[in-house]
């Protein structure tokens, strides 16, 4: 009788553990950038992956777009020299560091002598994810300045493999 009771208790314990609800898998990450631009919150959810295959002078670059259908307006690009280092402050004046922003009217803003900074908090390498933050100033060719605050981004890292 003790063996039967022990067997029933074991089966009940196994059944209780296997029937327990499993917590749902978290959704996969998605590329995005959010930032305040001259006091207005922006959120872009379309992006090109961080890549080193199509960058001009930078080693890794990425663009975030407000609309997937528009590559001529409302976008921001980061170009990072070398393999990104977590915690390093990439900033205006650093060799091969480049960034630009294009507004809804198609006006392009570039780095100037005023500070603009990008800091990575995550860099997982090929096939992984990058996360970071940014802030600072850019200016148009006519001298109009815009100020970015509280910028955050995350994006996939992907390069073409020969």
Protein backbone atom coordinates (compact mmCIF):
# COMPACT_ATOMS: atom_id res chain seq x y z
CA UNK A 1 0.00 0.00 0.00
CA UNK A 2 2.90 2.40 0.77
CA UNK A 3 4.37 1.70 -2.67
CA UNK A 4 1.05 2.43 -4.37
CA UNK A 5 0.63 5.70 -2.42
CA UNK A 6 4.22 6.73 -3.24
CA UNK A 7 3.65 5.89 -6.92
CA UNK A 8 0.42 7.96 -7.01
CA UNK A 9 2.16 10.92 -5.34
CA UNK A 10 5.04 10.77 -7.87
CA UNK A 11 2.63 10.63 -10.81
CA UNK A 12 0.63 13.55 -9.37
CA UNK A 13 3.82 15.61 -8.88
CA UNK A 14 4.98 14.90 -12.44
CA UNK A 15 1.54 15.78 -13.82
CA UNK A 16 1.44 19.02 -11.81
CA UNK A 17 4.87 20.10 -13.07
CA UNK A 18 4.16 19.21 -16.71
CA UNK A 19 0.73 20.92 -16.71
CA UNK A 20 2.10 24.14 -15.25
CA UNK A 21 1.69 27.05 -17.66
CA UNK A 22 4.91 28.03 -19.32
CA UNK A 23 5.67 31.71 -19.60
CA UNK A 24 5.33 32.90 -23.19
CA UNK A 25 8.46 33.50 -25.22
CA UNK A 26 9.30 37.19 -25.44
CA UNK A 27 8.73 38.66 -28.89
CA UNK A 28 11.83 38.95 -31.06
CA UNK A 29 13.50 42.37 -31.05
CA UNK A 30 12.69 44.80 -33.84
CA UNK A 31 14.81 47.60 -35.29
CA UNK A 32 13.85 51.08 -34.11
CA UNK A 33 15.11 54.47 -33.08
CA UNK A 34 13.38 56.99 -30.84
CA UNK A 35 14.55 60.51 -30.09
CA UNK A 36 13.44 64.01 -29.21
CA UNK A 37 14.16 66.49 -31.99
CA UNK A 38 13.78 70.11 -30.95
CA UNK A 39 11.29 68.99 -28.29
CA UNK A 40 9.20 66.67 -30.53
CA UNK A 41 9.31 62.90 -29.96
CA UNK A 42 10.12 60.82 -33.04
CA UNK A 43 9.88 57.05 -33.53
CA UNK A 44 11.26 55.30 -36.64
CA UNK A 45 10.71 51.57 -37.11
CA UNK A 46 12.21 50.91 -40.56
CA UNK A 47 15.93 50.40 -40.88
CA UNK A 48 18.80 49.03 -42.87
CA UNK A 49 20.91 46.60 -40.82
CA UNK A 50 24.22 47.70 -39.33
CA UNK A 51 26.52 46.67 -42.14
CA UNK A 52 30.03 47.28 -43.35
CA UNK A 53 29.29 46.38 -46.94
CA UNK A 54 27.75 49.61 -48.21
CA UNK A 55 29.37 52.31 -46.08
CA UNK A 56 31.40 55.03 -47.72
CA UNK A 57 34.08 56.08 -45.23
CA UNK A 58 32.78 54.38 -42.08
CA UNK A 59 33.34 50.74 -41.19
CA UNK A 60 29.78 50.08 -39.95
CA UNK A 61 26.72 52.10 -40.86
CA UNK A 62 22.96 51.95 -40.52
CA UNK A 63 19.97 54.09 -41.49
CA UNK A 64 16.64 54.41 -39.73
CA UNK A 65 13.58 55.57 -41.73
CA UNK A 66 10.23 56.92 -40.62
CA UNK A 67 8.57 55.27 -43.63
CA UNK A 68 9.83 52.15 -45.35
CA UNK A 69 8.76 53.62 -48.71
CA UNK A 70 10.79 56.81 -48.40
CA UNK A 71 14.55 56.87 -48.57
CA UNK A 72 14.69 60.58 -49.41
CA UNK A 73 13.15 62.04 -46.26
CA UNK A 74 12.82 61.50 -42.52
CA UNK A 75 15.84 59.34 -41.91
CA UNK A 76 18.90 59.30 -39.70
CA UNK A 77 22.21 57.57 -40.47
CA UNK A 78 25.03 56.55 -38.15
CA UNK A 79 28.49 55.70 -39.51
CA UNK A 80 30.91 54.17 -37.02
CA UNK A 81 34.68 53.86 -37.54
CA UNK A 82 36.00 50.35 -36.90
CA UNK A 83 34.20 47.63 -34.99
CA UNK A 84 31.98 49.40 -32.44
CA UNK A 85 33.15 49.27 -28.83
CA UNK A 86 30.61 49.15 -26.01
CA UNK A 87 30.80 52.30 -23.89
CA UNK A 88 33.07 54.23 -26.28
CA UNK A 89 31.75 57.71 -27.06
CA UNK A 90 31.80 58.23 -30.83
CA UNK A 91 31.59 61.95 -31.38
CA UNK A 92 31.88 64.89 -33.74
CA UNK A 93 35.41 65.23 -35.05
CA UNK A 94 36.37 61.57 -34.61
CA UNK A 95 38.05 60.17 -37.73
CA UNK A 96 35.50 58.39 -40.00
CA UNK A 97 32.57 59.00 -37.61
CA UNK A 98 29.65 60.28 -39.67
CA UNK A 99 25.97 60.97 -39.11
CA UNK A 100 23.27 62.82 -40.96
CA UNK A 101 19.54 63.48 -40.71
CA UNK A 102 17.05 64.31 -43.47
CA UNK A 103 13.81 65.98 -42.40
CA UNK A 104 10.32 65.70 -43.94
CA UNK A 105 11.05 68.53 -46.39
CA UNK A 106 14.20 66.78 -47.64
CA UNK A 107 16.65 69.14 -45.90
CA UNK A 108 19.86 67.36 -44.93
CA UNK A 109 21.58 68.06 -41.61
CA UNK A 110 25.17 66.96 -40.98
CA UNK A 111 27.67 66.98 -38.15
CA UNK A 112 29.21 70.36 -37.39
CA UNK A 113 31.64 71.56 -34.78
CA UNK A 114 28.88 71.27 -32.17
CA UNK A 115 28.94 67.98 -30.26
CA UNK A 116 27.01 64.92 -31.43
CA UNK A 117 27.57 61.59 -29.67
CA UNK A 118 26.71 57.92 -30.21
CA UNK A 119 27.36 55.31 -27.49
CA UNK A 120 26.81 51.55 -27.92
CA UNK A 121 25.50 49.56 -24.95
CA UNK A 122 25.35 46.27 -26.91
CA UNK A 123 27.25 44.92 -29.91
CA UNK A 124 26.76 41.19 -30.53
CA UNK A 125 28.60 40.96 -33.86
CA UNK A 126 27.56 39.24 -37.09
CA UNK A 127 23.92 38.13 -36.93
CA UNK A 128 23.38 39.68 -33.49
CA UNK A 129 21.98 42.98 -32.28
CA UNK A 130 23.30 46.45 -31.57
CA UNK A 131 21.81 48.89 -29.05
CA UNK A 132 22.83 52.34 -28.05
CA UNK A 133 22.02 55.98 -27.47
CA UNK A 134 22.73 59.32 -29.15
CA UNK A 135 22.35 63.05 -28.66
CA UNK A 136 23.71 66.32 -29.98
CA UNK A 137 23.56 68.91 -32.73
CA UNK A 138 23.50 68.85 -36.54
CA UNK A 139 23.23 71.71 -39.02
CA UNK A 140 21.99 72.20 -42.58
CA UNK A 141 24.00 73.74 -45.40
CA UNK A 142 22.16 77.02 -44.75
CA UNK A 143 23.25 77.00 -41.08
CA UNK A 144 19.96 75.95 -39.46
CA UNK A 145 20.69 73.77 -36.41
CA UNK A 146 18.65 70.94 -34.89
CA UNK A 147 19.11 69.32 -31.50
CA UNK A 148 18.65 65.59 -30.76
CA UNK A 149 17.95 64.46 -27.20
CA UNK A 150 17.28 61.10 -25.52
CA UNK A 151 18.02 59.13 -28.69
CA UNK A 152 17.94 55.33 -28.44
CA UNK A 153 18.29 52.67 -31.11
CA UNK A 154 18.52 48.95 -31.67
CA UNK A 155 19.17 47.12 -34.89
CA UNK A 156 20.37 43.86 -36.39
CA UNK A 157 24.01 43.48 -37.43
CA UNK A 158 24.44 41.84 -40.80
CA UNK A 159 27.15 41.91 -43.39
CA UNK A 160 27.42 40.12 -46.71
CA UNK A 161 29.65 37.08 -46.44
CA UNK A 162 31.76 36.33 -49.54
